């Protein structure tokens, strides 16, 4: 089933239980994305002040565009494909085998544990604490 929704501005999108959302979004001061239970959100054309992104239970977020500040929470095998998302600052919290990639220009901070991995593109500095086999890799 495909559903087309037209609205001048979205402030939140949520997908769960294997559903998927494929959206081209524009400029907005704040945006919240939440995916769980194997769901997927693909969001392109982002131009966001503050982006709050959450993924859990094998969910996938695929993001492209720009954001001033990104707050990322992911767990339970969730994946973030954010190589095409350029963020100024990122606050990340992850656990339980999550994996992600993101392009950051200034600073990444937060905590990863339980086998989570984050790959950072760009020349950002890092203050990410890791434990339990978690890692942060860099590619500038």
C-alpha atoms as a PDB file:
ATOM      1  CA  UNK A   1       0.000   0.000   0.000  1.00  0.00           C
ATOM      2  CA  UNK A   2       1.241   3.470  -0.879  1.00  0.00           C
ATOM      3  CA  UNK A   3      -0.081   6.611   0.740  1.00  0.00           C
ATOM      4  CA  UNK A   4       0.763  10.110  -0.467  1.00  0.00           C
ATOM      5  CA  UNK A   5       0.534  12.933   2.020  1.00  0.00           C
ATOM      6  CA  UNK A   6       1.086  16.565   1.100  1.00  0.00           C
ATOM      7  CA  UNK A   7       1.626  19.083   3.828  1.00  0.00           C
ATOM      8  CA  UNK A   8       3.612  22.332   3.844  1.00  0.00           C
ATOM      9  CA  UNK A   9       5.736  21.309   6.813  1.00  0.00           C
ATOM     10  CA  UNK A  10       6.190  18.144   8.873  1.00  0.00           C
ATOM     11  CA  UNK A  11       7.401  18.273  12.475  1.00  0.00           C
ATOM     12  CA  UNK A  12       7.356  14.523  13.170  1.00  0.00           C
ATOM     13  CA  UNK A  13       7.276  11.176  11.369  1.00  0.00           C
ATOM     14  CA  UNK A  14       6.878   7.784  13.045  1.00  0.00           C
ATOM     15  CA  UNK A  15       7.069   4.279  11.565  1.00  0.00           C
ATOM     16  CA  UNK A  16       6.685   0.928  13.344  1.00  0.00           C
ATOM     17  CA  UNK A  17       6.110  -2.814  12.841  1.00  0.00           C
ATOM     18  CA  UNK A  18       7.848  -3.186   9.487  1.00  0.00           C
ATOM     19  CA  UNK A  19       6.219  -0.168   7.853  1.00  0.00           C
ATOM     20  CA  UNK A  20       8.199   2.305   5.764  1.00  0.00           C
ATOM     21  CA  UNK A  21       8.092   6.012   5.049  1.00  0.00           C
ATOM     22  CA  UNK A  22       9.832   7.555   2.055  1.00  0.00           C
ATOM     23  CA  UNK A  23       9.731  11.349   2.207  1.00  0.00           C
ATOM     24  CA  UNK A  24      11.275  14.407   0.631  1.00  0.00           C
ATOM     25  CA  UNK A  25      11.135  17.123   3.255  1.00  0.00           C
ATOM     26  CA  UNK A  26      12.152  20.769   3.222  1.00  0.00           C
ATOM     27  CA  UNK A  27      13.136  23.395   5.738  1.00  0.00           C
ATOM     28  CA  UNK A  28      11.802  23.236   9.281  1.00  0.00           C
ATOM     29  CA  UNK A  29      13.180  24.437  12.633  1.00  0.00           C
ATOM     30  CA  UNK A  30      12.578  21.077  14.370  1.00  0.00           C
ATOM     31  CA  UNK A  31      11.893  17.555  13.191  1.00  0.00           C
ATOM     32  CA  UNK A  32      11.406  14.297  15.120  1.00  0.00           C
ATOM     33  CA  UNK A  33      11.809  10.911  13.426  1.00  0.00           C
ATOM     34  CA  UNK A  34      11.060   7.637  15.190  1.00  0.00           C
ATOM     35  CA  UNK A  35      11.355   4.141  13.716  1.00  0.00           C
ATOM     36  CA  UNK A  36      10.918   0.840  15.578  1.00  0.00           C
ATOM     37  CA  UNK A  37      10.250  -2.849  15.073  1.00  0.00           C
ATOM     38  CA  UNK A  38      11.935  -3.267  11.691  1.00  0.00           C
ATOM     39  CA  UNK A  39      10.416  -0.107  10.209  1.00  0.00           C
ATOM     40  CA  UNK A  40      12.272   2.229   7.847  1.00  0.00           C
ATOM     41  CA  UNK A  41      12.250   5.981   7.358  1.00  0.00           C
ATOM     42  CA  UNK A  42      13.975   7.430   4.295  1.00  0.00           C
ATOM     43  CA  UNK A  43      14.039  11.236   4.490  1.00  0.00           C
ATOM     44  CA  UNK A  44      15.731  13.392   1.853  1.00  0.00           C
ATOM     45  CA  UNK A  45      15.995  17.132   1.362  1.00  0.00           C
ATOM     46  CA  UNK A  46      16.315  17.810   5.080  1.00  0.00           C
ATOM     47  CA  UNK A  47      17.095  21.391   6.126  1.00  0.00           C
ATOM     48  CA  UNK A  48      16.564  21.245   9.872  1.00  0.00           C
ATOM     49  CA  UNK A  49      17.596  23.273  12.904  1.00  0.00           C
ATOM     50  CA  UNK A  50      17.225  20.450  15.444  1.00  0.00           C
ATOM     51  CA  UNK A  51      16.710  16.872  14.300  1.00  0.00           C
ATOM     52  CA  UNK A  52      15.727  14.272  16.926  1.00  0.00           C
ATOM     53  CA  UNK A  53      16.099  10.796  15.419  1.00  0.00           C
ATOM     54  CA  UNK A  54      15.293   7.558  17.236  1.00  0.00           C
ATOM     55  CA  UNK A  55      15.523   3.971  15.982  1.00  0.00           C
ATOM     56  CA  UNK A  56      15.164   0.625  17.761  1.00  0.00           C
ATOM     57  CA  UNK A  57      14.433  -3.039  17.194  1.00  0.00           C
ATOM     58  CA  UNK A  58      16.119  -3.456  13.824  1.00  0.00           C
ATOM     59  CA  UNK A  59      14.682  -0.251  12.374  1.00  0.00           C
ATOM     60  CA  UNK A  60      16.515   1.754   9.706  1.00  0.00           C
ATOM     61  CA  UNK A  61      16.878   5.510   9.196  1.00  0.00           C
ATOM     62  CA  UNK A  62      18.271   6.798   5.898  1.00  0.00           C
ATOM     63  CA  UNK A  63      18.766  10.566   6.010  1.00  0.00           C
ATOM     64  CA  UNK A  64      20.060  13.167   3.537  1.00  0.00           C
ATOM     65  CA  UNK A  65      20.343  16.942   3.781  1.00  0.00           C
ATOM     66  CA  UNK A  66      21.604  19.340   6.442  1.00  0.00           C
ATOM     67  CA  UNK A  67      20.943  19.804  10.150  1.00  0.00           C
ATOM     68  CA  UNK A  68      22.409  22.204  12.678  1.00  0.00           C
ATOM     69  CA  UNK A  69      21.998  19.840  15.631  1.00  0.00           C
ATOM     70  CA  UNK A  70      21.212  16.106  15.604  1.00  0.00           C
ATOM     71  CA  UNK A  71      20.092  14.148  18.660  1.00  0.00           C
ATOM     72  CA  UNK A  72      20.416  10.457  17.816  1.00  0.00           C
ATOM     73  CA  UNK A  73      19.176   7.576  19.986  1.00  0.00           C
ATOM     74  CA  UNK A  74      19.448   4.081  18.585  1.00  0.00           C
ATOM     75  CA  UNK A  75      19.421   0.559  20.000  1.00  0.00           C
ATOM     76  CA  UNK A  76      18.634  -3.097  19.387  1.00  0.00           C
ATOM     77  CA  UNK A  77      20.238  -3.554  15.979  1.00  0.00           C
ATOM     78  CA  UNK A  78      18.968  -0.275  14.536  1.00  0.00           C
ATOM     79  CA  UNK A  79      20.859   1.254  11.599  1.00  0.00           C
ATOM     80  CA  UNK A  80      21.493   4.860  10.567  1.00  0.00           C
ATOM     81  CA  UNK A  81      22.526   5.609   6.996  1.00  0.00           C
ATOM     82  CA  UNK A  82      23.463   9.255   7.306  1.00  0.00           C
ATOM     83  CA  UNK A  83      26.532   9.722   5.110  1.00  0.00           C
ATOM     84  CA  UNK A  84      24.494  12.231   3.080  1.00  0.00           C
ATOM     85  CA  UNK A  85      23.311  14.080   6.192  1.00  0.00           C
ATOM     86  CA  UNK A  86      25.677  16.916   7.080  1.00  0.00           C
ATOM     87  CA  UNK A  87      25.311  17.977  10.721  1.00  0.00           C
ATOM     88  CA  UNK A  88      27.129  20.666  12.662  1.00  0.00           C
ATOM     89  CA  UNK A  89      26.836  18.915  16.041  1.00  0.00           C
ATOM     90  CA  UNK A  90      25.649  15.441  17.060  1.00  0.00           C
ATOM     91  CA  UNK A  91      24.610  14.058  20.443  1.00  0.00           C
ATOM     92  CA  UNK A  92      24.492  10.255  20.178  1.00  0.00           C
ATOM     93  CA  UNK A  93      23.328   7.524  22.544  1.00  0.00           C
ATOM     94  CA  UNK A  94      23.398   3.946  21.339  1.00  0.00           C
ATOM     95  CA  UNK A  95      23.329   0.399  22.696  1.00  0.00           C
ATOM     96  CA  UNK A  96      22.738  -3.198  21.670  1.00  0.00           C
ATOM     97  CA  UNK A  97      24.444  -3.736  18.331  1.00  0.00           C
ATOM     98  CA  UNK A  98      23.349  -0.576  16.552  1.00  0.00           C
ATOM     99  CA  UNK A  99      25.354   0.839  13.659  1.00  0.00           C
ATOM    100  CA  UNK A 100      25.444   4.165  11.916  1.00  0.00           C
ATOM    101  CA  UNK A 101      27.223   6.684   9.758  1.00  0.00           C
ATOM    102  CA  UNK A 102      26.946  10.467   9.666  1.00  0.00           C
ATOM    103  CA  UNK A 103      28.809  13.515   8.329  1.00  0.00           C
ATOM    104  CA  UNK A 104      29.679  15.979  11.120  1.00  0.00           C
ATOM    105  CA  UNK A 105      31.482  19.316  10.808  1.00  0.00           C
ATOM    106  CA  UNK A 106      32.109  20.338  14.455  1.00  0.00           C
ATOM    107  CA  UNK A 107      31.597  17.877  17.330  1.00  0.00           C
ATOM    108  CA  UNK A 108      30.158  14.455  18.133  1.00  0.00           C
ATOM    109  CA  UNK A 109      29.451  13.658  21.789  1.00  0.00           C
ATOM    110  CA  UNK A 110      27.548  11.061  23.764  1.00  0.00           C
ATOM    111  CA  UNK A 111      27.832   7.373  24.671  1.00  0.00           C
ATOM    112  CA  UNK A 112      27.864   4.075  22.771  1.00  0.00           C
ATOM    113  CA  UNK A 113      27.787   0.619  24.382  1.00  0.00           C
ATOM    114  CA  UNK A 114      27.083  -3.040  23.709  1.00  0.00           C
ATOM    115  CA  UNK A 115      28.704  -3.428  20.307  1.00  0.00           C
ATOM    116  CA  UNK A 116      27.368  -0.243  18.714  1.00  0.00           C
ATOM    117  CA  UNK A 117      29.452   1.317  15.980  1.00  0.00           C
ATOM    118  CA  UNK A 118      29.420   4.834  14.547  1.00  0.00           C
ATOM    119  CA  UNK A 119      31.350   5.911  11.464  1.00  0.00           C
ATOM    120  CA  UNK A 120      31.894   9.682  11.286  1.00  0.00           C
ATOM    121  CA  UNK A 121      32.678  11.494   8.041  1.00  0.00           C
ATOM    122  CA  UNK A 122      34.083  15.018   8.265  1.00  0.00           C
ATOM    123  CA  UNK A 123      36.580  16.713  10.545  1.00  0.00           C
ATOM    124  CA  UNK A 124      34.547  16.847  13.742  1.00  0.00           C
ATOM    125  CA  UNK A 125      36.060  16.380  17.165  1.00  0.00           C
ATOM    126  CA  UNK A 126      34.744  13.620  19.402  1.00  0.00           C
ATOM    127  CA  UNK A 127      33.704  13.247  23.004  1.00  0.00           C
ATOM    128  CA  UNK A 128      31.954   9.909  22.628  1.00  0.00           C
ATOM    129  CA  UNK A 129      32.454   7.488  25.520  1.00  0.00           C
ATOM    130  CA  UNK A 130      32.429   3.831  24.492  1.00  0.00           C
ATOM    131  CA  UNK A 131      32.049   0.587  26.458  1.00  0.00           C
ATOM    132  CA  UNK A 132      31.229  -3.078  25.870  1.00  0.00           C
ATOM    133  CA  UNK A 133      32.808  -3.344  22.424  1.00  0.00           C
ATOM    134  CA  UNK A 134      31.345  -0.131  20.994  1.00  0.00           C
ATOM    135  CA  UNK A 135      33.444   1.979  18.630  1.00  0.00           C
ATOM    136  CA  UNK A 136      33.677   5.276  16.772  1.00  0.00           C
ATOM    137  CA  UNK A 137      35.574   5.341  13.432  1.00  0.00           C
ATOM    138  CA  UNK A 138      36.611   8.395  11.419  1.00  0.00           C
ATOM    139  CA  UNK A 139      36.884   9.097   7.697  1.00  0.00           C
ATOM    140  CA  UNK A 140      37.798  12.656   6.794  1.00  0.00           C
END
